[in-house]
C-alpha cells in the first residue's frame, strides 16, 4: 500500500509509482472523484491532442538552432 502525508498547507506528494502508473507529468492535473465516501484519483485527459506536448522542447534555442542540431553542422 502506498501512502502520502498531508503538509500544513494541505498538500501531498503523489508517490512516484502512482505518478508513473497514471502517466502524470509536472503541471498536469489530477481529479479526485468521491463515490460513497471513497475517493478515486484520475489523471485529467489533455484538452487537445497537442496539449501533452506543450513545453516538451523547453529550451532557449530558436527553431533554426534546433534544425541545425538535428541535421548536424555542415
Protein backbone atom coordinates (compact mmCIF):
# COMPACT_ATOMS: atom_id res chain seq x y z
CA UNK A 1 0.00 0.00 0.00
CA UNK A 2 1.27 3.47 -0.88
CA UNK A 3 0.77 6.43 1.44
CA UNK A 4 1.34 10.19 1.40
CA UNK A 5 1.48 12.76 4.21
CA UNK A 6 -0.51 15.98 4.15
CA UNK A 7 1.53 19.15 4.74
CA UNK A 8 0.41 22.08 6.87
CA UNK A 9 -0.76 23.72 3.62
CA UNK A 10 -2.95 20.71 2.74
CA UNK A 11 -0.59 19.50 0.02
CA UNK A 12 0.51 15.95 -0.70
CA UNK A 13 3.22 14.40 -2.84
CA UNK A 14 1.83 11.73 -5.11
CA UNK A 15 4.14 8.70 -4.79
CA UNK A 16 6.40 8.13 -7.80
CA UNK A 17 4.92 4.69 -8.51
CA UNK A 18 1.43 6.24 -8.73
CA UNK A 19 2.63 9.11 -10.97
CA UNK A 20 4.31 6.63 -13.29
CA UNK A 21 1.27 4.33 -13.41
CA UNK A 22 -1.03 7.28 -14.20
CA UNK A 23 1.46 8.79 -16.63
CA UNK A 24 1.34 12.11 -14.77
CA UNK A 25 3.94 14.74 -15.54
CA UNK A 26 4.70 18.07 -13.91
CA UNK A 27 1.94 20.61 -14.46
CA UNK A 28 -0.78 18.09 -15.30
CA UNK A 29 -3.97 17.98 -13.27
CA UNK A 30 -5.49 15.19 -11.22
CA UNK A 31 -9.17 14.68 -10.50
CA UNK A 32 -10.49 13.42 -7.15
CA UNK A 33 -13.85 11.67 -7.51
CA UNK A 34 -15.96 10.66 -4.49
CA UNK A 35 -18.23 7.65 -4.50
CA UNK A 36 -19.93 6.85 -1.17
CA UNK A 37 -17.03 8.11 0.93
CA UNK A 38 -14.31 6.53 -1.23
CA UNK A 39 -12.14 8.81 -3.33
CA UNK A 40 -10.65 7.87 -6.68
CA UNK A 41 -7.72 9.66 -8.24
CA UNK A 42 -7.64 10.10 -12.02
CA UNK A 43 -5.43 11.97 -14.43
CA UNK A 44 -7.42 14.58 -16.34
CA UNK A 45 -7.20 13.96 -20.08
CA UNK A 46 -5.47 16.61 -22.17
CA UNK A 47 -7.87 19.15 -23.64
CA UNK A 48 -6.40 18.72 -27.12
CA UNK A 49 -4.28 16.15 -28.92
CA UNK A 50 -1.33 18.53 -28.79
CA UNK A 51 -1.58 19.79 -25.20
CA UNK A 52 0.55 16.94 -23.87
CA UNK A 53 3.44 18.28 -25.96
CA UNK A 54 3.30 21.83 -24.59
CA UNK A 55 6.69 22.61 -23.09
CA UNK A 56 8.24 19.43 -24.48
CA UNK A 57 11.00 21.34 -26.24
CA UNK A 58 11.70 23.80 -23.45
CA UNK A 59 14.97 25.34 -24.41
CA UNK A 60 16.46 28.70 -25.14
CA UNK A 61 17.26 27.65 -28.69
CA UNK A 62 15.39 29.13 -31.62
CA UNK A 63 13.96 26.95 -34.38
CA UNK A 64 16.98 27.47 -36.67
CA UNK A 65 19.33 26.21 -33.95
CA UNK A 66 17.15 23.15 -33.30
CA UNK A 67 17.02 22.27 -37.03
CA UNK A 68 20.78 22.76 -37.35
CA UNK A 69 21.37 20.49 -34.35
CA UNK A 70 19.08 17.79 -35.75
CA UNK A 71 20.65 17.91 -39.20
CA UNK A 72 24.20 18.14 -37.93
CA UNK A 73 26.50 21.02 -38.53
CA UNK A 74 27.84 21.30 -42.08
